[in-house]
Amino acid sequence: MTNSSIRFRPAERADAATIRDIVRAAYSRWVPLIGREPMPMRADYDRAVAEHPFELAVEGDRIVGMIETMLEEDHLWIENVCVAPDA
């Protein structure tokens, strides 16, 4: 069993820019392959964080990953999951 220093917490509006940066870093490797930015790279994270839940993976003081979800009437939709490439 390993002792992980990663904890999870809900995102706050102030986290939107950091979330955007992690998403852009995580998905940037796909731009040359598909010839455009993937949809998660173009999302408005200020709006998304205000409208639905994000859970953040935090190591020390640094956000290293996230999961974005949307609660629907009959299911939980996972919109995006990503981890900072250097994490």
C-alpha atoms as a PDB file:
ATOM      1  CA  MET A   1       0.000   0.000   0.000  1.00  0.00           C
ATOM      2  CA  THR A   2       1.347   3.417  -0.955  1.00  0.00           C
ATOM      3  CA  ASN A   3       0.926   6.606   0.992  1.00  0.00           C
ATOM      4  CA  SER A   4      -0.486   9.140  -1.486  1.00  0.00           C
ATOM      5  CA  SER A   5      -0.275  12.836  -0.832  1.00  0.00           C
ATOM      6  CA  ILE A   6      -3.113  13.518  -3.279  1.00  0.00           C
ATOM      7  CA  ARG A   7      -6.396  14.746  -1.824  1.00  0.00           C
ATOM      8  CA  PHE A   8      -9.624  15.691  -3.549  1.00  0.00           C
ATOM      9  CA  ARG A   9     -11.718  18.810  -3.195  1.00  0.00           C
ATOM     10  CA  PRO A  10     -14.517  20.541  -5.087  1.00  0.00           C
ATOM     11  CA  ALA A  11     -13.486  23.279  -7.499  1.00  0.00           C
ATOM     12  CA  GLU A  12     -14.234  26.898  -6.779  1.00  0.00           C
ATOM     13  CA  ARG A  13     -14.703  29.676  -9.320  1.00  0.00           C
ATOM     14  CA  ALA A  14     -11.170  30.887  -8.593  1.00  0.00           C
ATOM     15  CA  ASP A  15      -9.849  27.524  -9.919  1.00  0.00           C
ATOM     16  CA  ALA A  16     -11.180  28.023 -13.455  1.00  0.00           C
ATOM     17  CA  ALA A  17      -7.943  29.392 -14.934  1.00  0.00           C
ATOM     18  CA  THR A  18      -5.871  26.573 -13.441  1.00  0.00           C
ATOM     19  CA  ILE A  19      -8.367  23.999 -14.710  1.00  0.00           C
ATOM     20  CA  ARG A  20      -8.140  25.526 -18.185  1.00  0.00           C
ATOM     21  CA  ASP A  21      -4.337  25.372 -18.064  1.00  0.00           C
ATOM     22  CA  ILE A  22      -4.309  21.711 -17.012  1.00  0.00           C
ATOM     23  CA  VAL A  23      -6.839  20.785 -19.702  1.00  0.00           C
ATOM     24  CA  ARG A  24      -4.845  22.620 -22.388  1.00  0.00           C
ATOM     25  CA  ALA A  25      -1.619  20.918 -21.304  1.00  0.00           C
ATOM     26  CA  ALA A  26      -3.239  17.477 -21.128  1.00  0.00           C
ATOM     27  CA  TYR A  27      -4.908  17.679 -24.547  1.00  0.00           C
ATOM     28  CA  SER A  28      -2.281  19.651 -26.490  1.00  0.00           C
ATOM     29  CA  ARG A  29      -0.524  16.516 -27.738  1.00  0.00           C
ATOM     30  CA  TRP A  30      -3.635  15.671 -29.791  1.00  0.00           C
ATOM     31  CA  VAL A  31      -3.683  18.907 -31.809  1.00  0.00           C
ATOM     32  CA  PRO A  32      -1.162  17.724 -34.465  1.00  0.00           C
ATOM     33  CA  LEU A  33      -2.919  14.364 -34.761  1.00  0.00           C
ATOM     34  CA  ILE A  34      -6.448  15.676 -35.322  1.00  0.00           C
ATOM     35  CA  GLY A  35      -5.504  19.022 -36.871  1.00  0.00           C
ATOM     36  CA  ARG A  36      -7.400  21.210 -34.401  1.00  0.00           C
ATOM     37  CA  GLU A  37      -7.864  21.742 -30.690  1.00  0.00           C
ATOM     38  CA  PRO A  38     -10.066  19.083 -29.051  1.00  0.00           C
ATOM     39  CA  MET A  39     -13.337  20.424 -27.633  1.00  0.00           C
ATOM     40  CA  PRO A  40     -12.137  20.417 -23.997  1.00  0.00           C
ATOM     41  CA  MET A  41      -9.391  22.883 -24.960  1.00  0.00           C
ATOM     42  CA  ARG A  42     -11.998  25.333 -26.254  1.00  0.00           C
ATOM     43  CA  ALA A  43     -14.408  25.173 -23.322  1.00  0.00           C
ATOM     44  CA  ASP A  44     -15.256  28.190 -21.188  1.00  0.00           C
ATOM     45  CA  TYR A  45     -14.125  26.979 -17.762  1.00  0.00           C
ATOM     46  CA  ASP A  46     -15.305  30.100 -15.940  1.00  0.00           C
ATOM     47  CA  ARG A  47     -18.805  29.189 -17.071  1.00  0.00           C
ATOM     48  CA  ALA A  48     -18.390  25.432 -16.612  1.00  0.00           C
ATOM     49  CA  VAL A  49     -17.159  25.727 -13.013  1.00  0.00           C
ATOM     50  CA  ALA A  50     -20.126  27.988 -12.226  1.00  0.00           C
ATOM     51  CA  GLU A  51     -22.649  25.605 -13.796  1.00  0.00           C
ATOM     52  CA  HIS A  52     -21.636  22.103 -12.699  1.00  0.00           C
ATOM     53  CA  PRO A  53     -19.337  20.133 -10.394  1.00  0.00           C
ATOM     54  CA  PHE A  54     -15.613  19.615 -10.767  1.00  0.00           C
ATOM     55  CA  GLU A  55     -13.564  17.566  -8.340  1.00  0.00           C
ATOM     56  CA  LEU A  56      -9.894  18.451  -8.215  1.00  0.00           C
ATOM     57  CA  ALA A  57      -6.947  16.210  -7.409  1.00  0.00           C
ATOM     58  CA  VAL A  58      -4.558  18.298  -5.331  1.00  0.00           C
ATOM     59  CA  GLU A  59      -1.001  17.428  -4.350  1.00  0.00           C
ATOM     60  CA  GLY A  60       0.398  19.821  -1.778  1.00  0.00           C
ATOM     61  CA  ASP A  61      -0.851  23.207  -2.980  1.00  0.00           C
ATOM     62  CA  ARG A  62      -0.943  22.209  -6.655  1.00  0.00           C
ATOM     63  CA  ILE A  63      -3.948  21.044  -8.677  1.00  0.00           C
ATOM     64  CA  VAL A  64      -2.750  18.007 -10.653  1.00  0.00           C
ATOM     65  CA  GLY A  65      -5.985  16.712 -12.147  1.00  0.00           C
ATOM     66  CA  MET A  66      -9.727  17.038 -12.357  1.00  0.00           C
ATOM     67  CA  ILE A  67     -12.989  15.359 -13.212  1.00  0.00           C
ATOM     68  CA  GLU A  68     -15.900  17.390 -14.581  1.00  0.00           C
ATOM     69  CA  THR A  69     -19.381  15.931 -14.155  1.00  0.00           C
ATOM     70  CA  MET A  70     -22.964  16.868 -14.917  1.00  0.00           C
ATOM     71  CA  LEU A  71     -25.820  15.422 -12.901  1.00  0.00           C
ATOM     72  CA  GLU A  72     -28.671  14.450 -15.195  1.00  0.00           C
ATOM     73  CA  GLU A  73     -32.109  13.215 -14.176  1.00  0.00           C
ATOM     74  CA  ASP A  74     -31.227   9.541 -14.576  1.00  0.00           C
ATOM     75  CA  HIS A  75     -27.414   9.450 -14.663  1.00  0.00           C
ATOM     76  CA  LEU A  76     -24.152  11.182 -13.887  1.00  0.00           C
ATOM     77  CA  TRP A  77     -22.406  12.357 -17.060  1.00  0.00           C
ATOM     78  CA  ILE A  78     -18.600  12.485 -16.978  1.00  0.00           C
ATOM     79  CA  GLU A  79     -17.719  15.361 -19.281  1.00  0.00           C
ATOM     80  CA  ASN A  80     -13.971  15.410 -18.845  1.00  0.00           C
ATOM     81  CA  VAL A  81     -11.163  13.755 -16.886  1.00  0.00           C
ATOM     82  CA  CYS A  82      -7.577  14.851 -17.160  1.00  0.00           C
ATOM     83  CA  VAL A  83      -4.282  14.945 -15.310  1.00  0.00           C
ATOM     84  CA  ALA A  84      -1.445  17.446 -15.666  1.00  0.00           C
ATOM     85  CA  PRO A  85       1.126  15.781 -17.966  1.00  0.00           C
ATOM     86  CA  ASP A  86       3.956  16.265 -15.481  1.00  0.00           C
ATOM     87  CA  ALA A  87       1.931  14.632 -12.699  1.00  0.00           C
END
